[in-house]
Amino acid sequence: MVDEAVQQVLDGFVTSVREVAAVEAVWLHGSLALGDYQLGRSDLDVIVVTSSPPPAAVADVHRQLMRDSPLAKKLHCSYMTDLADVSVRHPTFAQERYFDRPVTPVTRRELAIGNRTLFGPAPAELLPATTDEELFAFVRRDLRDFWLPATRKRTNWYADIWVDLSLVTLARAHVTLATGDLITKRAALDVLPGLGAPTSVVDDIRARRYGPVPRTWPWWRHRRGVLARRFTSTAIPAVLS
């Protein structure tokens, strides 16, 4: 079930974006589609399929929604006109700014699994299927070319987002490469101890996502960053092997 306030934001977005763009479908992915959404903590991940490139006015839609509701700041949306080419970078509004990025094989598989539609045909009717080979290749490339080099940069790891995403991504990649399945962030936290992740860091991530947010002291941020970075740097080669 989606919280009423979230549903209002989503409904308002669909209504507003259809007024300025040639919208064919609006789909949910991420935690909203996979059943792991946490109010005020999770992003609202959306795909809008358009028959022509979206006008600049779509950015105004997002900014107005953010003025109307704080929840809209977490609404991240990519606008797709070409559904077949995985390499295409699509106009995207996220983190309160407008830029281009691809819709990855992981996102495409999430769309197929969740099959959550806010408007128009469902993903299964329009989106080409993502093969396991495409999915596995992307997951391996993401670990090898992004996360492993990132472990050489110390300062990033003092931020919550780097600690959270690195460990969760690693656990999800492990499961996907082993079984072909996509798992939620909650399930990923249950997988991490078996991969040798530091218990204190896993507990820290779990509390900030699912429990009362703990107060974080500078010494713990430093210690947590060291532990997360060290674990990630050694666990990635093991997952890829």
C-alpha atoms as a PDB file:
ATOM      1  CA  MET A   1       0.000   0.000   0.000  1.00  0.00           C
ATOM      2  CA  VAL A   2       1.233   3.518  -0.868  1.00  0.00           C
ATOM      3  CA  ASP A   3       0.844   6.220   1.774  1.00  0.00           C
ATOM      4  CA  GLU A   4      -1.981   8.676   1.016  1.00  0.00           C
ATOM      5  CA  ALA A   5       0.401  11.650   0.919  1.00  0.00           C
ATOM      6  CA  VAL A   6       2.648   9.810  -1.551  1.00  0.00           C
ATOM      7  CA  GLN A   7      -0.323   8.889  -3.719  1.00  0.00           C
ATOM      8  CA  GLN A   8      -1.387  12.527  -3.808  1.00  0.00           C
ATOM      9  CA  VAL A   9       2.074  13.559  -5.016  1.00  0.00           C
ATOM     10  CA  LEU A  10       2.075  10.844  -7.681  1.00  0.00           C
ATOM     11  CA  ASP A  11      -1.450  11.675  -8.850  1.00  0.00           C
ATOM     12  CA  GLY A  12      -0.622  15.370  -8.978  1.00  0.00           C
ATOM     13  CA  PHE A  13       2.518  14.648 -10.958  1.00  0.00           C
ATOM     14  CA  VAL A  14       0.703  12.509 -13.538  1.00  0.00           C
ATOM     15  CA  THR A  15      -1.979  15.179 -14.008  1.00  0.00           C
ATOM     16  CA  SER A  16       0.542  18.013 -14.314  1.00  0.00           C
ATOM     17  CA  VAL A  17       3.054  16.288 -16.585  1.00  0.00           C
ATOM     18  CA  ARG A  18       0.328  15.210 -18.999  1.00  0.00           C
ATOM     19  CA  GLU A  19      -0.570  18.874 -19.441  1.00  0.00           C
ATOM     20  CA  VAL A  20       2.892  19.768 -20.794  1.00  0.00           C
ATOM     21  CA  ALA A  21       4.258  16.584 -22.414  1.00  0.00           C
ATOM     22  CA  ALA A  22       3.043  13.923 -24.862  1.00  0.00           C
ATOM     23  CA  VAL A  23       2.754  11.218 -22.211  1.00  0.00           C
ATOM     24  CA  GLU A  24       2.058   7.642 -23.263  1.00  0.00           C
ATOM     25  CA  ALA A  25       2.689   5.859 -19.943  1.00  0.00           C
ATOM     26  CA  VAL A  26       3.857   6.481 -16.377  1.00  0.00           C
ATOM     27  CA  TRP A  27       5.512   3.637 -14.444  1.00  0.00           C
ATOM     28  CA  LEU A  28       6.947   3.084 -10.979  1.00  0.00           C
ATOM     29  CA  HIS A  29      10.201   1.290 -10.188  1.00  0.00           C
ATOM     30  CA  GLY A  30      12.574   1.039  -7.234  1.00  0.00           C
ATOM     31  CA  SER A  31      11.217   0.573  -3.725  1.00  0.00           C
ATOM     32  CA  LEU A  32       7.711   1.698  -4.709  1.00  0.00           C
ATOM     33  CA  ALA A  33       7.461  -1.138  -7.228  1.00  0.00           C
ATOM     34  CA  LEU A  34       9.253  -3.776  -5.139  1.00  0.00           C
ATOM     35  CA  GLY A  35       7.348  -3.176  -1.886  1.00  0.00           C
ATOM     36  CA  ASP A  36      10.140  -1.670   0.227  1.00  0.00           C
ATOM     37  CA  TYR A  37       9.113   2.006   0.249  1.00  0.00           C
ATOM     38  CA  GLN A  38       9.871   3.954   3.448  1.00  0.00           C
ATOM     39  CA  LEU A  39       7.998   7.233   3.839  1.00  0.00           C
ATOM     40  CA  GLY A  40      10.315  10.230   3.849  1.00  0.00           C
ATOM     41  CA  ARG A  41      13.419   8.069   3.312  1.00  0.00           C
ATOM     42  CA  SER A  42      12.901   6.283  -0.006  1.00  0.00           C
ATOM     43  CA  ASP A  43      12.911   7.965  -3.406  1.00  0.00           C
ATOM     44  CA  LEU A  44       9.806   8.053  -5.587  1.00  0.00           C
ATOM     45  CA  ASP A  45      11.256   6.452  -8.733  1.00  0.00           C
ATOM     46  CA  VAL A  46       9.210   7.103 -11.868  1.00  0.00           C
ATOM     47  CA  ILE A  47       9.527   6.558 -15.602  1.00  0.00           C
ATOM     48  CA  VAL A  48       7.473   8.632 -18.044  1.00  0.00           C
ATOM     49  CA  VAL A  49       7.205   7.368 -21.614  1.00  0.00           C
ATOM     50  CA  THR A  50       6.647  10.174 -24.129  1.00  0.00           C
ATOM     51  CA  SER A  51       5.991  10.094 -27.866  1.00  0.00           C
ATOM     52  CA  SER A  52       8.271  13.108 -28.393  1.00  0.00           C
ATOM     53  CA  PRO A  53      11.106  14.677 -26.400  1.00  0.00           C
ATOM     54  CA  PRO A  54       9.766  16.331 -23.242  1.00  0.00           C
ATOM     55  CA  PRO A  55       9.659  20.139 -23.266  1.00  0.00           C
ATOM     56  CA  ALA A  56      11.591  22.258 -20.788  1.00  0.00           C
ATOM     57  CA  ALA A  57       8.291  22.839 -18.986  1.00  0.00           C
ATOM     58  CA  VAL A  58       8.550  19.436 -17.292  1.00  0.00           C
ATOM     59  CA  ALA A  59      11.211  20.900 -15.000  1.00  0.00           C
ATOM     60  CA  ASP A  60       8.682  23.545 -13.964  1.00  0.00           C
ATOM     61  CA  VAL A  61       6.250  20.735 -13.116  1.00  0.00           C
ATOM     62  CA  HIS A  62       8.776  19.186 -10.745  1.00  0.00           C
ATOM     63  CA  ARG A  63       9.658  22.513  -9.136  1.00  0.00           C
ATOM     64  CA  GLN A  64       6.006  23.375  -8.544  1.00  0.00           C
ATOM     65  CA  LEU A  65       5.408  19.968  -6.976  1.00  0.00           C
ATOM     66  CA  MET A  66       8.372  20.539  -4.647  1.00  0.00           C
ATOM     67  CA  ARG A  67       6.886  23.856  -3.578  1.00  0.00           C
ATOM     68  CA  ASP A  68       3.582  22.121  -2.875  1.00  0.00           C
ATOM     69  CA  SER A  69       4.957  19.063  -1.025  1.00  0.00           C
ATOM     70  CA  PRO A  70       8.334  18.213   0.564  1.00  0.00           C
ATOM     71  CA  LEU A  71       7.840  14.604  -0.577  1.00  0.00           C
ATOM     72  CA  ALA A  72       8.152  15.730  -4.206  1.00  0.00           C
ATOM     73  CA  LYS A  73      11.855  16.483  -3.641  1.00  0.00           C
ATOM     74  CA  LYS A  74      12.356  12.713  -3.699  1.00  0.00           C
ATOM     75  CA  LEU A  75      10.436  12.221  -6.951  1.00  0.00           C
ATOM     76  CA  HIS A  76      13.050  11.125  -9.492  1.00  0.00           C
ATOM     77  CA  CYS A  77      11.834  10.756 -13.061  1.00  0.00           C
ATOM     78  CA  SER A  78      13.387   9.785 -16.396  1.00  0.00           C
ATOM     79  CA  TYR A  79      11.558  10.639 -19.631  1.00  0.00           C
ATOM     80  CA  MET A  80      11.871   7.901 -22.266  1.00  0.00           C
ATOM     81  CA  THR A  81      11.102   8.208 -25.964  1.00  0.00           C
ATOM     82  CA  ASP A  82      13.397   5.383 -27.148  1.00  0.00           C
ATOM     83  CA  LEU A  83      12.576   2.238 -25.169  1.00  0.00           C
ATOM     84  CA  ALA A  84      14.722  -0.221 -27.126  1.00  0.00           C
ATOM     85  CA  ASP A  85      18.249   1.240 -26.956  1.00  0.00           C
ATOM     86  CA  VAL A  86      19.732   0.685 -23.476  1.00  0.00           C
ATOM     87  CA  SER A  87      22.624   3.073 -24.185  1.00  0.00           C
ATOM     88  CA  VAL A  88      20.407   6.130 -24.722  1.00  0.00           C
ATOM     89  CA  ARG A  89      20.653   8.807 -22.017  1.00  0.00           C
ATOM     90  CA  HIS A  90      17.195  10.101 -21.142  1.00  0.00           C
ATOM     91  CA  PRO A  91      16.208  13.514 -19.765  1.00  0.00           C
ATOM     92  CA  THR A  92      15.881  13.090 -15.999  1.00  0.00           C
ATOM     93  CA  PHE A  93      14.810  15.251 -13.082  1.00  0.00           C
ATOM     94  CA  ALA A  94      16.353  14.025  -9.807  1.00  0.00           C
ATOM     95  CA  GLN A  95      18.125  15.494  -6.779  1.00  0.00           C
ATOM     96  CA  GLU A  96      16.294  18.743  -7.600  1.00  0.00           C
ATOM     97  CA  ARG A  97      18.044  19.190 -10.960  1.00  0.00           C
ATOM     98  CA  TYR A  98      17.663  18.273 -14.655  1.00  0.00           C
ATOM     99  CA  PHE A  99      20.243  16.062 -16.430  1.00  0.00           C
ATOM    100  CA  ASP A 100      20.557  13.014 -18.727  1.00  0.00           C
ATOM    101  CA  ARG A 101      21.112   9.399 -17.701  1.00  0.00           C
ATOM    102  CA  PRO A 102      20.401   5.913 -19.090  1.00  0.00           C
ATOM    103  CA  VAL A 103      17.587   3.686 -17.850  1.00  0.00           C
ATOM    104  CA  THR A 104      19.724   0.731 -16.785  1.00  0.00           C
ATOM    105  CA  PRO A 105      19.022  -2.991 -17.214  1.00  0.00           C
ATOM    106  CA  VAL A 106      18.403  -3.167 -13.442  1.00  0.00           C
ATOM    107  CA  THR A 107      15.719  -0.475 -13.673  1.00  0.00           C
ATOM    108  CA  ARG A 108      14.215  -2.157 -16.725  1.00  0.00           C
ATOM    109  CA  ARG A 109      14.035  -5.480 -14.891  1.00  0.00           C
ATOM    110  CA  GLU A 110      12.472  -3.730 -11.846  1.00  0.00           C
ATOM    111  CA  LEU A 111       9.838  -2.239 -14.138  1.00  0.00           C
ATOM    112  CA  ALA A 112       9.010  -5.685 -15.504  1.00  0.00           C
ATOM    113  CA  ILE A 113       8.871  -7.308 -12.061  1.00  0.00           C
ATOM    114  CA  GLY A 114       6.859  -4.578 -10.361  1.00  0.00           C
ATOM    115  CA  ASN A 115       4.657  -3.860 -13.408  1.00  0.00           C
ATOM    116  CA  ARG A 116       3.274  -0.813 -11.541  1.00  0.00           C
ATOM    117  CA  THR A 117       1.478   1.627 -13.826  1.00  0.00           C
ATOM    118  CA  LEU A 118       0.099   5.068 -12.958  1.00  0.00           C
ATOM    119  CA  PHE A 119      -1.077   5.860 -16.493  1.00  0.00           C
ATOM    120  CA  GLY A 120      -1.252   4.113 -19.873  1.00  0.00           C
ATOM    121  CA  PRO A 121      -0.074   0.624 -20.864  1.00  0.00           C
ATOM    122  CA  ALA A 122       1.929  -1.479 -18.412  1.00  0.00           C
ATOM    123  CA  PRO A 123       5.708  -1.931 -18.830  1.00  0.00           C
ATOM    124  CA  ALA A 124       5.209  -5.476 -20.116  1.00  0.00           C
ATOM    125  CA  GLU A 125       3.237  -4.085 -23.065  1.00  0.00           C
ATOM    126  CA  LEU A 126       5.807  -1.516 -24.233  1.00  0.00           C
ATOM    127  CA  LEU A 127       9.238  -2.234 -22.786  1.00  0.00           C
ATOM    128  CA  PRO A 128      11.500  -4.815 -24.477  1.00  0.00           C
ATOM    129  CA  ALA A 129      12.462  -7.618 -22.097  1.00  0.00           C
ATOM    130  CA  THR A 130      15.875  -7.435 -20.430  1.00  0.00           C
ATOM    131  CA  THR A 131      17.861 -10.646 -20.828  1.00  0.00           C
ATOM    132  CA  ASP A 132      19.843 -12.171 -17.982  1.00  0.00           C
ATOM    133  CA  GLU A 133      23.004 -11.602 -20.021  1.00  0.00           C
ATOM    134  CA  GLU A 134      22.279  -7.864 -20.265  1.00  0.00           C
ATOM    135  CA  LEU A 135      21.473  -7.699 -16.566  1.00  0.00           C
ATOM    136  CA  PHE A 136      24.568  -9.616 -15.460  1.00  0.00           C
ATOM    137  CA  ALA A 137      26.853  -7.585 -17.731  1.00  0.00           C
ATOM    138  CA  PHE A 138      25.566  -4.317 -16.302  1.00  0.00           C
ATOM    139  CA  VAL A 139      25.868  -5.478 -12.687  1.00  0.00           C
ATOM    140  CA  ARG A 140      29.445  -6.635 -13.231  1.00  0.00           C
ATOM    141  CA  ARG A 141      30.395  -3.445 -15.026  1.00  0.00           C
ATOM    142  CA  ASP A 142      28.881  -1.289 -12.270  1.00  0.00           C
ATOM    143  CA  LEU A 143      30.908  -3.079  -9.589  1.00  0.00           C
ATOM    144  CA  ARG A 144      34.128  -3.188 -11.605  1.00  0.00           C
ATOM    145  CA  ASP A 145      34.111   0.275 -13.209  1.00  0.00           C
ATOM    146  CA  PHE A 146      32.343   2.418 -10.610  1.00  0.00           C
ATOM    147  CA  TRP A 147      32.332   0.948  -7.116  1.00  0.00           C
ATOM    148  CA  LEU A 148      35.784  -0.627  -7.073  1.00  0.00           C
ATOM    149  CA  PRO A 149      37.571   2.561  -8.225  1.00  0.00           C
ATOM    150  CA  ALA A 150      35.455   4.514  -5.720  1.00  0.00           C
ATOM    151  CA  THR A 151      37.085   2.631  -2.848  1.00  0.00           C
ATOM    152  CA  ARG A 152      40.317   4.509  -3.606  1.00  0.00           C
ATOM    153  CA  LYS A 153      38.714   7.854  -2.644  1.00  0.00           C
ATOM    154  CA  ARG A 154      38.578   8.114   1.124  1.00  0.00           C
ATOM    155  CA  THR A 155      36.560  11.291   1.746  1.00  0.00           C
ATOM    156  CA  ASN A 156      33.377  10.104  -0.024  1.00  0.00           C
ATOM    157  CA  TRP A 157      32.958   7.327   2.499  1.00  0.00           C
ATOM    158  CA  TYR A 158      32.219   9.661   5.405  1.00  0.00           C
ATOM    159  CA  ALA A 159      28.786  10.392   3.875  1.00  0.00           C
ATOM    160  CA  ASP A 160      25.725   8.251   4.688  1.00  0.00           C
ATOM    161  CA  ILE A 161      24.796   7.818   1.036  1.00  0.00           C
ATOM    162  CA  TRP A 162      28.137   6.225   0.090  1.00  0.00           C
ATOM    163  CA  VAL A 163      28.054   3.785   2.988  1.00  0.00           C
ATOM    164  CA  ASP A 164      24.451   2.831   2.348  1.00  0.00           C
ATOM    165  CA  LEU A 165      24.617   2.447  -1.418  1.00  0.00           C
ATOM    166  CA  SER A 166      27.932   0.625  -1.516  1.00  0.00           C
ATOM    167  CA  LEU A 167      26.933  -2.169   0.850  1.00  0.00           C
ATOM    168  CA  VAL A 168      23.366  -2.503  -0.399  1.00  0.00           C
ATOM    169  CA  THR A 169      24.475  -2.494  -4.052  1.00  0.00           C
ATOM    170  CA  LEU A 170      27.096  -5.130  -3.321  1.00  0.00           C
ATOM    171  CA  ALA A 171      24.628  -7.471  -1.612  1.00  0.00           C
ATOM    172  CA  ARG A 172      22.025  -7.023  -4.341  1.00  0.00           C
ATOM    173  CA  ALA A 173      24.668  -7.640  -7.026  1.00  0.00           C
ATOM    174  CA  HIS A 174      25.758 -10.829  -5.263  1.00  0.00           C
ATOM    175  CA  VAL A 175      22.217 -12.198  -5.290  1.00  0.00           C
ATOM    176  CA  THR A 176      21.513 -11.124  -8.863  1.00  0.00           C
ATOM    177  CA  LEU A 177      24.688 -12.713 -10.233  1.00  0.00           C
ATOM    178  CA  ALA A 178      24.054 -15.908  -8.263  1.00  0.00           C
ATOM    179  CA  THR A 179      20.326 -16.344  -8.950  1.00  0.00           C
ATOM    180  CA  GLY A 180      19.156 -13.770 -11.500  1.00  0.00           C
ATOM    181  CA  ASP A 181      16.805 -12.270  -8.914  1.00  0.00           C
ATOM    182  CA  LEU A 182      16.477  -8.647  -7.827  1.00  0.00           C
ATOM    183  CA  ILE A 183      16.037  -8.130  -4.085  1.00  0.00           C
ATOM    184  CA  THR A 184      14.939  -5.183  -1.962  1.00  0.00           C
ATOM    185  CA  LYS A 185      17.242  -3.082   0.200  1.00  0.00           C
ATOM    186  CA  ARG A 186      15.746  -4.712   3.296  1.00  0.00           C
ATOM    187  CA  ALA A 187      16.610  -8.164   1.960  1.00  0.00           C
ATOM    188  CA  ALA A 188      20.090  -6.940   1.012  1.00  0.00           C
ATOM    189  CA  LEU A 189      20.792  -6.017   4.633  1.00  0.00           C
ATOM    190  CA  ASP A 190      19.978  -9.608   5.624  1.00  0.00           C
ATOM    191  CA  VAL A 191      22.460 -10.888   3.004  1.00  0.00           C
ATOM    192  CA  LEU A 192      25.378  -8.676   4.047  1.00  0.00           C
ATOM    193  CA  PRO A 193      26.451 -10.544   7.233  1.00  0.00           C
ATOM    194  CA  GLY A 194      26.955 -13.693   5.176  1.00  0.00           C
ATOM    195  CA  LEU A 195      29.317 -11.762   2.910  1.00  0.00           C
ATOM    196  CA  GLY A 196      31.392 -10.679   5.898  1.00  0.00           C
ATOM    197  CA  ALA A 197      30.119  -7.113   6.187  1.00  0.00           C
ATOM    198  CA  PRO A 198      30.838  -5.380   9.514  1.00  0.00           C
ATOM    199  CA  THR A 199      27.815  -5.909  11.763  1.00  0.00           C
ATOM    200  CA  SER A 200      28.027  -2.419  13.238  1.00  0.00           C
ATOM    201  CA  VAL A 201      27.827  -0.838   9.791  1.00  0.00           C
ATOM    202  CA  VAL A 202      24.904  -3.036   8.693  1.00  0.00           C
ATOM    203  CA  ASP A 203      23.057  -2.167  11.914  1.00  0.00           C
ATOM    204  CA  ASP A 204      23.743   1.525  11.279  1.00  0.00           C
ATOM    205  CA  ILE A 205      22.253   1.357   7.767  1.00  0.00           C
ATOM    206  CA  ARG A 206      19.235  -0.603   8.984  1.00  0.00           C
ATOM    207  CA  ALA A 207      18.492   1.898  11.759  1.00  0.00           C
ATOM    208  CA  ARG A 208      18.686   4.893   9.428  1.00  0.00           C
ATOM    209  CA  ARG A 209      16.396   3.270   6.864  1.00  0.00           C
ATOM    210  CA  TYR A 210      13.913   1.354   9.008  1.00  0.00           C
ATOM    211  CA  GLY A 211      14.185   2.543  12.617  1.00  0.00           C
ATOM    212  CA  PRO A 212      14.577   5.737  14.584  1.00  0.00           C
ATOM    213  CA  VAL A 213      17.425   7.664  12.958  1.00  0.00           C
ATOM    214  CA  PRO A 214      20.413   7.465  15.319  1.00  0.00           C
ATOM    215  CA  ARG A 215      22.621  10.416  16.135  1.00  0.00           C
ATOM    216  CA  THR A 216      25.913  10.047  14.293  1.00  0.00           C
ATOM    217  CA  TRP A 217      29.097  11.296  15.966  1.00  0.00           C
ATOM    218  CA  PRO A 218      32.117  12.422  13.880  1.00  0.00           C
ATOM    219  CA  TRP A 219      34.311   9.616  15.222  1.00  0.00           C
ATOM    220  CA  TRP A 220      31.713   7.050  14.153  1.00  0.00           C
ATOM    221  CA  ARG A 221      31.373   8.563  10.686  1.00  0.00           C
ATOM    222  CA  HIS A 222      35.119   8.179  10.267  1.00  0.00           C
ATOM    223  CA  ARG A 223      35.193   4.629  11.656  1.00  0.00           C
ATOM    224  CA  ARG A 224      32.119   3.591   9.667  1.00  0.00           C
ATOM    225  CA  GLY A 225      33.623   4.985   6.460  1.00  0.00           C
ATOM    226  CA  VAL A 226      36.864   3.072   7.000  1.00  0.00           C
ATOM    227  CA  LEU A 227      34.997  -0.169   7.663  1.00  0.00           C
ATOM    228  CA  ALA A 228      32.622   0.223   4.707  1.00  0.00           C
ATOM    229  CA  ARG A 229      35.387   1.168   2.285  1.00  0.00           C
ATOM    230  CA  ARG A 230      37.625  -1.691   3.409  1.00  0.00           C
ATOM    231  CA  PHE A 231      34.831  -4.244   3.155  1.00  0.00           C
ATOM    232  CA  THR A 232      33.688  -3.022  -0.263  1.00  0.00           C
ATOM    233  CA  SER A 233      37.203  -3.088  -1.709  1.00  0.00           C
ATOM    234  CA  THR A 234      37.707  -6.733  -0.724  1.00  0.00           C
ATOM    235  CA  ALA A 235      34.163  -8.003  -1.303  1.00  0.00           C
ATOM    236  CA  ILE A 236      33.774  -6.768  -4.887  1.00  0.00           C
ATOM    237  CA  PRO A 237      36.520  -9.037  -6.319  1.00  0.00           C
ATOM    238  CA  ALA A 238      34.971 -11.954  -4.438  1.00  0.00           C
ATOM    239  CA  VAL A 239      31.516 -11.257  -5.876  1.00  0.00           C
ATOM    240  CA  LEU A 240      32.936 -10.876  -9.381  1.00  0.00           C
ATOM    241  CA  SER A 241      34.996 -14.053  -9.229  1.00  0.00           C
END
